[in-house]
Amino acid sequence: MITKDFLEESFGLLQHIRPGKWIYSANTAISSFDQYKDLAEIEKLVKKNRELATTLGQDYVVSPDIIIAREAVSDNEINQTQKLIERSDVIAKLTPFRKDNVDIPKPILHASISCKWTLRSDRAQNTRTEALNLIRNRKGKLPHIVAVTAEPTPIRIASLALGTGDIDCVYHFALNELKVGIENIKNEDQMDMLNMLIEGRRLRDISDLPFDLAT
């Protein structure tokens, strides 16, 4: 996937700013990550029980288009520059960031990226539903939740970008080119909407995304 390759290469260039062992993958269930690992047990129960499946459905097990995750770190890595912690210590025993705290450590989900080539109302709603599931079902840190699109119509972009509380921001794969195109066709309504989304910090260019992921 082009977007995944772009993020892997560009975010990788920021290792000096946001160091870590990063994982990039597509269509991976969120139950594979520490904040959502309890969903794996629920999924097993639902598969065995039709009544539970009818009641709960399957929407809680989200598989984002692209994920970025960070591997937990060993005590050796933590103590690389100076002795900070020992296995025998009684402190910091519950944090998932320490690989030595669990028998089978799971990576920590850092970002969920929804990719929509174009946007219709149903696609915007699907992205919002996925985002709300990520928010409600987590146990721990909330990952970045963003959407990437190539939609050429600002009013359609607004169906996903406007509002707060579910996704962090929408990123356009060619925002500068989109601005030039709308200026050329002299569509004031579309330009007004585009400016509102940008000035309201709801729409950014894809080149901004690696830097935002470093926060």
C-alpha atoms as a PDB file:
ATOM      1  CA  MET A   1       0.000   0.000   0.000  1.00  0.00           C
ATOM      2  CA  ILE A   2       1.425   3.354  -1.066  1.00  0.00           C
ATOM      3  CA  THR A   3       0.367   5.225   2.067  1.00  0.00           C
ATOM      4  CA  LYS A   4       1.896   2.600   4.352  1.00  0.00           C
ATOM      5  CA  ASP A   5       5.165   2.682   2.415  1.00  0.00           C
ATOM      6  CA  PHE A   6       5.219   6.473   2.564  1.00  0.00           C
ATOM      7  CA  LEU A   7       4.666   6.523   6.326  1.00  0.00           C
ATOM      8  CA  GLU A   8       7.222   3.793   6.959  1.00  0.00           C
ATOM      9  CA  GLU A   9       9.866   5.708   5.029  1.00  0.00           C
ATOM     10  CA  SER A  10       9.027   9.240   6.211  1.00  0.00           C
ATOM     11  CA  PHE A  11       8.331   8.430   9.868  1.00  0.00           C
ATOM     12  CA  GLY A  12      11.488   6.340   9.872  1.00  0.00           C
ATOM     13  CA  LEU A  13      13.462   9.470   9.030  1.00  0.00           C
ATOM     14  CA  LEU A  14      12.328  10.936  12.349  1.00  0.00           C
ATOM     15  CA  GLN A  15      13.899   8.214  14.496  1.00  0.00           C
ATOM     16  CA  HIS A  16      16.160  10.791  16.122  1.00  0.00           C
ATOM     17  CA  ILE A  17      13.029  12.667  17.255  1.00  0.00           C
ATOM     18  CA  ARG A  18      10.747   9.685  17.999  1.00  0.00           C
ATOM     19  CA  PRO A  19      13.001   6.670  18.612  1.00  0.00           C
ATOM     20  CA  GLY A  20      11.663   3.154  18.971  1.00  0.00           C
ATOM     21  CA  LYS A  21      11.184  -0.185  17.253  1.00  0.00           C
ATOM     22  CA  TRP A  22       8.198   0.495  15.033  1.00  0.00           C
ATOM     23  CA  ILE A  23       5.848  -1.930  13.305  1.00  0.00           C
ATOM     24  CA  TYR A  24       3.890  -1.009  10.154  1.00  0.00           C
ATOM     25  CA  SER A  25       1.144  -3.247   8.820  1.00  0.00           C
ATOM     26  CA  ALA A  26      -2.184  -3.244   6.998  1.00  0.00           C
ATOM     27  CA  ASN A  27      -5.549  -4.664   8.033  1.00  0.00           C
ATOM     28  CA  THR A  28      -4.338  -5.952  11.399  1.00  0.00           C
ATOM     29  CA  ALA A  29      -6.936  -6.571  14.132  1.00  0.00           C
ATOM     30  CA  ILE A  30      -6.565  -4.238  17.108  1.00  0.00           C
ATOM     31  CA  SER A  31      -6.711  -7.251  19.450  1.00  0.00           C
ATOM     32  CA  SER A  32      -3.074  -7.804  18.427  1.00  0.00           C
ATOM     33  CA  PHE A  33      -2.022  -4.796  20.506  1.00  0.00           C
ATOM     34  CA  ASP A  34      -1.665  -4.248  24.214  1.00  0.00           C
ATOM     35  CA  GLN A  35      -4.451  -1.681  24.692  1.00  0.00           C
ATOM     36  CA  TYR A  36      -6.966  -4.029  23.045  1.00  0.00           C
ATOM     37  CA  LYS A  37      -5.668  -7.501  23.901  1.00  0.00           C
ATOM     38  CA  ASP A  38      -8.753  -8.271  26.024  1.00  0.00           C
ATOM     39  CA  LEU A  39     -10.831  -8.165  22.843  1.00  0.00           C
ATOM     40  CA  ALA A  40      -9.116 -11.364  21.696  1.00  0.00           C
ATOM     41  CA  GLU A  41     -10.741 -13.257  24.582  1.00  0.00           C
ATOM     42  CA  ILE A  42     -14.111 -11.686  23.858  1.00  0.00           C
ATOM     43  CA  GLU A  43     -13.737 -12.647  20.205  1.00  0.00           C
ATOM     44  CA  LYS A  44     -13.144 -16.283  21.171  1.00  0.00           C
ATOM     45  CA  LEU A  45     -16.277 -16.319  23.341  1.00  0.00           C
ATOM     46  CA  VAL A  46     -18.395 -14.689  20.649  1.00  0.00           C
ATOM     47  CA  LYS A  47     -17.320 -17.290  18.087  1.00  0.00           C
ATOM     48  CA  LYS A  48     -18.478 -20.055  20.423  1.00  0.00           C
ATOM     49  CA  ASN A  49     -21.773 -18.440  21.457  1.00  0.00           C
ATOM     50  CA  ARG A  50     -24.359 -17.364  18.876  1.00  0.00           C
ATOM     51  CA  GLU A  51     -26.354 -15.360  21.416  1.00  0.00           C
ATOM     52  CA  LEU A  52     -23.307 -13.311  22.307  1.00  0.00           C
ATOM     53  CA  ALA A  53     -22.542 -12.840  18.625  1.00  0.00           C
ATOM     54  CA  THR A  54     -26.065 -11.532  18.048  1.00  0.00           C
ATOM     55  CA  THR A  55     -25.867  -9.188  21.038  1.00  0.00           C
ATOM     56  CA  LEU A  56     -22.343  -7.835  20.561  1.00  0.00           C
ATOM     57  CA  GLY A  57     -21.880  -8.192  16.815  1.00  0.00           C
ATOM     58  CA  GLN A  58     -18.378  -7.988  15.353  1.00  0.00           C
ATOM     59  CA  ASP A  59     -17.855  -4.236  15.064  1.00  0.00           C
ATOM     60  CA  TYR A  60     -15.747  -3.978  18.205  1.00  0.00           C
ATOM     61  CA  VAL A  61     -12.866  -5.907  16.561  1.00  0.00           C
ATOM     62  CA  VAL A  62     -11.520  -3.183  14.277  1.00  0.00           C
ATOM     63  CA  SER A  63      -8.884  -3.867  11.621  1.00  0.00           C
ATOM     64  CA  PRO A  64      -7.569  -0.437  10.563  1.00  0.00           C
ATOM     65  CA  ASP A  65      -6.321   0.050   7.010  1.00  0.00           C
ATOM     66  CA  ILE A  66      -2.857   0.887   8.368  1.00  0.00           C
ATOM     67  CA  ILE A  67      -1.406   0.654  11.859  1.00  0.00           C
ATOM     68  CA  ILE A  68       1.810   1.860  13.403  1.00  0.00           C
ATOM     69  CA  ALA A  69       2.794   0.178  16.647  1.00  0.00           C
ATOM     70  CA  ARG A  70       5.766   0.328  18.963  1.00  0.00           C
ATOM     71  CA  GLU A  71       7.389  -2.740  20.457  1.00  0.00           C
ATOM     72  CA  ALA A  72       7.780  -2.921  24.214  1.00  0.00           C
ATOM     73  CA  VAL A  73      11.319  -2.402  25.493  1.00  0.00           C
ATOM     74  CA  SER A  74      13.515  -4.744  27.504  1.00  0.00           C
ATOM     75  CA  ASP A  75      15.133  -3.797  30.787  1.00  0.00           C
ATOM     76  CA  ASN A  76      18.488  -3.912  29.009  1.00  0.00           C
ATOM     77  CA  GLU A  77      17.303  -1.155  26.676  1.00  0.00           C
ATOM     78  CA  ILE A  78      15.942   0.890  29.582  1.00  0.00           C
ATOM     79  CA  ASN A  79      19.265   0.567  31.397  1.00  0.00           C
ATOM     80  CA  GLN A  80      21.359   1.321  28.325  1.00  0.00           C
ATOM     81  CA  THR A  81      22.830   4.611  29.559  1.00  0.00           C
ATOM     82  CA  GLN A  82      22.468   4.073  33.297  1.00  0.00           C
ATOM     83  CA  LYS A  83      20.960   1.589  35.734  1.00  0.00           C
ATOM     84  CA  LEU A  84      17.333   2.602  36.136  1.00  0.00           C
ATOM     85  CA  ILE A  85      15.518  -0.592  37.028  1.00  0.00           C
ATOM     86  CA  GLU A  86      16.062  -4.226  37.968  1.00  0.00           C
ATOM     87  CA  ARG A  87      13.864  -7.282  37.591  1.00  0.00           C
ATOM     88  CA  SER A  88      13.806  -7.680  41.392  1.00  0.00           C
ATOM     89  CA  ASP A  89      12.387  -4.174  41.902  1.00  0.00           C
ATOM     90  CA  VAL A  90       8.780  -3.895  43.085  1.00  0.00           C
ATOM     91  CA  ILE A  91       8.165  -0.722  41.063  1.00  0.00           C
ATOM     92  CA  ALA A  92       6.923  -0.283  37.466  1.00  0.00           C
ATOM     93  CA  LYS A  93       5.562  -3.838  37.372  1.00  0.00           C
ATOM     94  CA  LEU A  94       2.318  -3.038  35.559  1.00  0.00           C
ATOM     95  CA  THR A  95       3.356  -0.854  32.643  1.00  0.00           C
ATOM     96  CA  PRO A  96       3.148  -2.604  29.257  1.00  0.00           C
ATOM     97  CA  PHE A  97       6.119  -0.542  28.067  1.00  0.00           C
ATOM     98  CA  ARG A  98       8.422  -2.954  29.951  1.00  0.00           C
ATOM     99  CA  LYS A  99       8.737  -6.153  27.936  1.00  0.00           C
ATOM    100  CA  ASP A 100       9.884  -8.050  31.028  1.00  0.00           C
ATOM    101  CA  ASN A 101       6.562  -7.413  32.805  1.00  0.00           C
ATOM    102  CA  VAL A 102       4.622 -10.003  30.787  1.00  0.00           C
ATOM    103  CA  ASP A 103       5.260 -13.489  29.446  1.00  0.00           C
ATOM    104  CA  ILE A 104       4.013 -12.646  25.961  1.00  0.00           C
ATOM    105  CA  PRO A 105       4.424  -8.906  25.352  1.00  0.00           C
ATOM    106  CA  LYS A 106       2.250  -7.246  22.737  1.00  0.00           C
ATOM    107  CA  PRO A 107       3.200  -4.105  20.817  1.00  0.00           C
ATOM    108  CA  ILE A 108       1.554  -0.836  21.791  1.00  0.00           C
ATOM    109  CA  LEU A 109      -0.719   0.648  19.127  1.00  0.00           C
ATOM    110  CA  HIS A 110       0.627   4.092  18.233  1.00  0.00           C
ATOM    111  CA  ALA A 111      -1.572   5.066  15.274  1.00  0.00           C
ATOM    112  CA  SER A 112      -4.632   3.904  13.364  1.00  0.00           C
ATOM    113  CA  ILE A 113      -4.878   5.272   9.822  1.00  0.00           C
ATOM    114  CA  SER A 114      -8.051   4.965   7.768  1.00  0.00           C
ATOM    115  CA  CYS A 115      -7.520   5.346   4.008  1.00  0.00           C
ATOM    116  CA  LYS A 116     -10.396   6.510   1.791  1.00  0.00           C
ATOM    117  CA  TRP A 117      -9.624   7.266  -1.856  1.00  0.00           C
ATOM    118  CA  THR A 118     -12.887   9.202  -2.092  1.00  0.00           C
ATOM    119  CA  LEU A 119     -15.502  10.088   0.522  1.00  0.00           C
ATOM    120  CA  ARG A 120     -19.201   9.368   0.545  1.00  0.00           C
ATOM    121  CA  SER A 121     -21.383   9.695   3.627  1.00  0.00           C
ATOM    122  CA  ASP A 122     -21.214   5.931   4.315  1.00  0.00           C
ATOM    123  CA  ARG A 123     -17.411   5.886   4.130  1.00  0.00           C
ATOM    124  CA  ALA A 124     -17.193   8.817   6.531  1.00  0.00           C
ATOM    125  CA  GLN A 125     -19.521   7.013   8.928  1.00  0.00           C
ATOM    126  CA  ASN A 126     -17.460   3.814   8.764  1.00  0.00           C
ATOM    127  CA  THR A 127     -14.335   5.763   9.704  1.00  0.00           C
ATOM    128  CA  ARG A 128     -16.117   7.419  12.627  1.00  0.00           C
ATOM    129  CA  THR A 129     -17.455   4.067  13.852  1.00  0.00           C
ATOM    130  CA  GLU A 130     -13.969   2.556  13.787  1.00  0.00           C
ATOM    131  CA  ALA A 131     -12.623   5.572  15.665  1.00  0.00           C
ATOM    132  CA  LEU A 132     -15.270   5.342  18.381  1.00  0.00           C
ATOM    133  CA  ASN A 133     -14.527   1.650  18.860  1.00  0.00           C
ATOM    134  CA  LEU A 134     -10.845   2.453  19.300  1.00  0.00           C
ATOM    135  CA  ILE A 135     -11.729   5.078  21.890  1.00  0.00           C
ATOM    136  CA  ARG A 136     -14.254   3.011  23.859  1.00  0.00           C
ATOM    137  CA  ASN A 137     -12.522  -0.352  23.920  1.00  0.00           C
ATOM    138  CA  ARG A 138      -8.989   0.673  24.848  1.00  0.00           C
ATOM    139  CA  LYS A 139      -7.292  -0.080  28.147  1.00  0.00           C
ATOM    140  CA  GLY A 140      -4.404   2.326  28.195  1.00  0.00           C
ATOM    141  CA  LYS A 141      -3.053   4.958  25.821  1.00  0.00           C
ATOM    142  CA  LEU A 142      -5.274   6.159  23.003  1.00  0.00           C
ATOM    143  CA  PRO A 143      -3.489   5.840  19.643  1.00  0.00           C
ATOM    144  CA  HIS A 144      -3.456   8.558  17.031  1.00  0.00           C
ATOM    145  CA  ILE A 145      -6.656   8.144  14.984  1.00  0.00           C
ATOM    146  CA  VAL A 146      -6.467   9.778  11.552  1.00  0.00           C
ATOM    147  CA  ALA A 147      -7.843   9.485   8.033  1.00  0.00           C
ATOM    148  CA  VAL A 148      -6.089   9.923   4.687  1.00  0.00           C
ATOM    149  CA  THR A 149      -8.057  10.751   1.558  1.00  0.00           C
ATOM    150  CA  ALA A 150      -7.735  11.890  -2.049  1.00  0.00           C
ATOM    151  CA  GLU A 151     -11.304  13.256  -2.177  1.00  0.00           C
ATOM    152  CA  PRO A 152     -11.361  16.306  -4.513  1.00  0.00           C
ATOM    153  CA  THR A 153     -14.490  17.932  -3.054  1.00  0.00           C
ATOM    154  CA  PRO A 154     -14.064  19.926   0.177  1.00  0.00           C
ATOM    155  CA  ILE A 155     -17.760  19.634   1.057  1.00  0.00           C
ATOM    156  CA  ARG A 156     -17.421  15.844   1.046  1.00  0.00           C
ATOM    157  CA  ILE A 157     -14.196  16.048   3.042  1.00  0.00           C
ATOM    158  CA  ALA A 158     -16.148  18.074   5.593  1.00  0.00           C
ATOM    159  CA  SER A 159     -18.469  15.094   6.204  1.00  0.00           C
ATOM    160  CA  LEU A 160     -15.532  13.432   7.940  1.00  0.00           C
ATOM    161  CA  ALA A 161     -13.323  16.332   8.985  1.00  0.00           C
ATOM    162  CA  LEU A 162     -15.871  18.522  10.753  1.00  0.00           C
ATOM    163  CA  GLY A 163     -16.546  17.862  14.409  1.00  0.00           C
ATOM    164  CA  THR A 164     -14.318  16.694  17.238  1.00  0.00           C
ATOM    165  CA  GLY A 165     -13.966  13.747  19.554  1.00  0.00           C
ATOM    166  CA  ASP A 166     -13.479  10.827  17.167  1.00  0.00           C
ATOM    167  CA  ILE A 167     -10.615  11.345  14.707  1.00  0.00           C
ATOM    168  CA  ASP A 168      -7.602  13.592  15.282  1.00  0.00           C
ATOM    169  CA  CYS A 169      -7.464  15.068  11.793  1.00  0.00           C
ATOM    170  CA  VAL A 170      -8.003  14.339   8.078  1.00  0.00           C
ATOM    171  CA  TYR A 171      -4.966  14.383   5.774  1.00  0.00           C
ATOM    172  CA  HIS A 172      -5.189  15.002   2.040  1.00  0.00           C
ATOM    173  CA  PHE A 173      -2.655  13.389  -0.256  1.00  0.00           C
ATOM    174  CA  ALA A 174      -2.373  16.553  -2.399  1.00  0.00           C
ATOM    175  CA  LEU A 175      -3.741  19.464  -0.396  1.00  0.00           C
ATOM    176  CA  ASN A 176      -1.709  22.187  -2.108  1.00  0.00           C
ATOM    177  CA  GLU A 177      -2.731  20.916  -5.542  1.00  0.00           C
ATOM    178  CA  LEU A 178      -6.365  20.773  -4.394  1.00  0.00           C
ATOM    179  CA  LYS A 179      -6.222  24.447  -3.372  1.00  0.00           C
ATOM    180  CA  VAL A 180      -4.812  25.432  -6.774  1.00  0.00           C
ATOM    181  CA  GLY A 181      -7.455  23.387  -8.597  1.00  0.00           C
ATOM    182  CA  ILE A 182     -10.343  24.998  -6.738  1.00  0.00           C
ATOM    183  CA  GLU A 183      -8.866  28.461  -7.274  1.00  0.00           C
ATOM    184  CA  ASN A 184      -8.696  27.736 -11.006  1.00  0.00           C
ATOM    185  CA  ILE A 185     -12.355  26.740 -11.275  1.00  0.00           C
ATOM    186  CA  LYS A 186     -13.357  29.753  -9.128  1.00  0.00           C
ATOM    187  CA  ASN A 187     -15.799  27.846  -6.949  1.00  0.00           C
ATOM    188  CA  GLU A 188     -16.242  30.131  -3.952  1.00  0.00           C
ATOM    189  CA  ASP A 189     -18.364  27.713  -1.898  1.00  0.00           C
ATOM    190  CA  GLN A 190     -15.801  24.944  -2.185  1.00  0.00           C
ATOM    191  CA  MET A 191     -12.933  27.342  -1.459  1.00  0.00           C
ATOM    192  CA  ASP A 192     -14.702  28.734   1.605  1.00  0.00           C
ATOM    193  CA  MET A 193     -15.214  25.221   2.932  1.00  0.00           C
ATOM    194  CA  LEU A 194     -11.604  24.250   2.211  1.00  0.00           C
ATOM    195  CA  ASN A 195     -10.280  27.320   4.009  1.00  0.00           C
ATOM    196  CA  MET A 196     -12.556  26.650   6.975  1.00  0.00           C
ATOM    197  CA  LEU A 197     -11.281  23.074   7.303  1.00  0.00           C
ATOM    198  CA  ILE A 198      -7.642  24.155   7.075  1.00  0.00           C
ATOM    199  CA  GLU A 199      -7.941  27.171   9.373  1.00  0.00           C
ATOM    200  CA  GLY A 200     -10.015  25.115  11.806  1.00  0.00           C
ATOM    201  CA  ARG A 201      -7.165  22.559  11.991  1.00  0.00           C
ATOM    202  CA  ARG A 202      -9.361  19.723  10.721  1.00  0.00           C
ATOM    203  CA  LEU A 203      -7.528  19.197   7.395  1.00  0.00           C
ATOM    204  CA  ARG A 204      -3.796  18.950   6.705  1.00  0.00           C
ATOM    205  CA  ASP A 205      -1.484  17.767   3.957  1.00  0.00           C
ATOM    206  CA  ILE A 206      -0.118  14.211   3.974  1.00  0.00           C
ATOM    207  CA  SER A 207       3.369  15.686   4.472  1.00  0.00           C
ATOM    208  CA  ASP A 208       2.260  16.903   7.912  1.00  0.00           C
ATOM    209  CA  LEU A 209       1.295  13.419   9.084  1.00  0.00           C
ATOM    210  CA  PRO A 210       4.760  11.960   9.894  1.00  0.00           C
ATOM    211  CA  PHE A 211       5.507  14.995  12.063  1.00  0.00           C
ATOM    212  CA  ASP A 212       2.148  14.779  13.836  1.00  0.00           C
ATOM    213  CA  LEU A 213       2.795  11.083  14.518  1.00  0.00           C
ATOM    214  CA  ALA A 214       6.051  12.076  16.227  1.00  0.00           C
ATOM    215  CA  THR A 215       4.142  13.908  18.964  1.00  0.00           C
END
